[in-house]
Protein backbone atom coordinates (compact mmCIF):
# COMPACT_ATOMS: atom_id res chain seq x y z
CA MET A 1 0.22 0.04 0.00
CA ILE A 2 1.21 3.48 -0.91
CA PRO A 3 1.52 6.05 1.89
CA SER A 4 -0.65 9.21 1.99
CA LEU A 5 1.17 12.09 0.85
CA ASP A 6 0.74 13.44 4.58
CA ILE A 7 2.44 10.42 5.91
CA LEU A 8 5.17 10.22 3.21
CA GLN A 9 5.91 14.08 4.00
CA ALA A 10 6.31 13.48 7.68
CA GLN A 11 8.60 10.82 6.78
CA VAL A 12 10.78 12.82 4.48
CA LEU A 13 10.59 15.90 7.01
CA GLY A 14 11.96 13.58 9.71
CA LEU A 15 15.13 12.99 7.63
CA PRO A 16 18.31 14.47 8.13
CA LYS A 17 18.87 17.83 6.08
CA ALA A 18 21.71 16.06 4.00
CA GLU A 19 19.19 13.36 3.19
CA ARG A 20 16.38 15.64 2.22
CA VAL A 21 18.81 17.31 -0.23
CA ARG A 22 19.61 13.96 -1.79
CA LEU A 23 16.01 13.05 -2.27
CA LEU A 24 14.95 16.50 -3.61
CA ASP A 25 18.12 16.21 -6.20
CA ARG A 26 16.60 12.68 -7.15
CA LEU A 27 12.88 13.95 -7.64
CA MET A 28 13.80 16.86 -9.52
CA ALA A 29 15.82 14.63 -11.90
CA SER A 30 12.92 12.48 -12.22
CA THR A 31 10.62 15.43 -13.52
CA GLU A 32 13.27 16.36 -16.25
CA SER A 33 12.38 15.13 -19.47
CA ASP A 34 13.07 17.77 -21.92
CA THR A 35 17.16 17.30 -22.42
CA ALA A 36 16.98 19.40 -25.74
CA THR A 37 15.49 22.41 -23.47
CA GLU A 38 18.01 21.55 -20.54
CA GLU A 39 20.96 21.47 -23.18
CA ALA A 40 19.77 24.81 -24.62
CA TRP A 41 19.72 26.67 -20.98
CA GLU A 42 23.23 24.85 -20.48
CA GLN A 43 24.54 26.52 -23.67
CA ILE A 44 23.11 30.10 -22.35
CA ALA A 45 24.66 29.93 -19.12
CA ALA A 46 27.91 28.85 -20.74
CA GLU A 47 27.59 32.03 -23.02
CA ARG A 48 26.54 34.30 -20.25
CA ASP A 49 29.47 33.03 -18.18
CA ALA A 50 32.01 33.64 -21.00
CA GLU A 51 30.66 37.09 -21.57
CA VAL A 52 31.17 38.04 -17.95
CA GLU A 53 34.64 36.35 -17.61
CA SER A 54 35.96 38.28 -21.03
CA GLY A 55 34.47 41.58 -19.58
CA ALA A 56 32.28 41.87 -22.64
CA VAL A 57 29.35 42.54 -20.16
CA ASP A 58 29.08 44.77 -17.07
CA THR A 59 27.83 43.13 -13.63
CA LEU A 60 26.07 44.62 -10.97
CA PRO A 61 26.40 43.73 -6.95
CA LEU A 62 23.25 41.62 -6.02
CA GLU A 63 22.38 44.19 -3.28
CA ASP A 64 22.14 46.94 -6.12
CA VAL A 65 19.95 44.69 -8.24
CA ILE A 66 17.71 43.84 -5.03
CA GLU A 67 17.48 47.49 -4.13
CA GLN A 68 16.60 48.63 -7.75
CA LEU A 69 13.88 45.93 -7.73
CA ARG A 70 12.38 47.17 -4.58
CA SER A 71 12.36 50.60 -5.55
CA LYS A 72 10.62 49.72 -8.98
CA HIS A 73 7.92 47.61 -7.13
CA ALA A 74 7.40 49.41 -3.90
CA GLY A 75 3.78 49.80 -3.28
């Protein structure tokens, strides 16, 4: 018999953090079925990394970006 989601959740949350992380990695991997999309994102990330490393683009500190977003979306 398959345990209910609530029982399974309680069991998982009772695991040590490292085991929960390993389980999460496995669960995420089990949902990834679009290899072509994943490869395309990997290529984009590699290109962006190369642009940053070469100095072709400017970067901003995370704190500055967060502040800009907060200012823009302050309500």
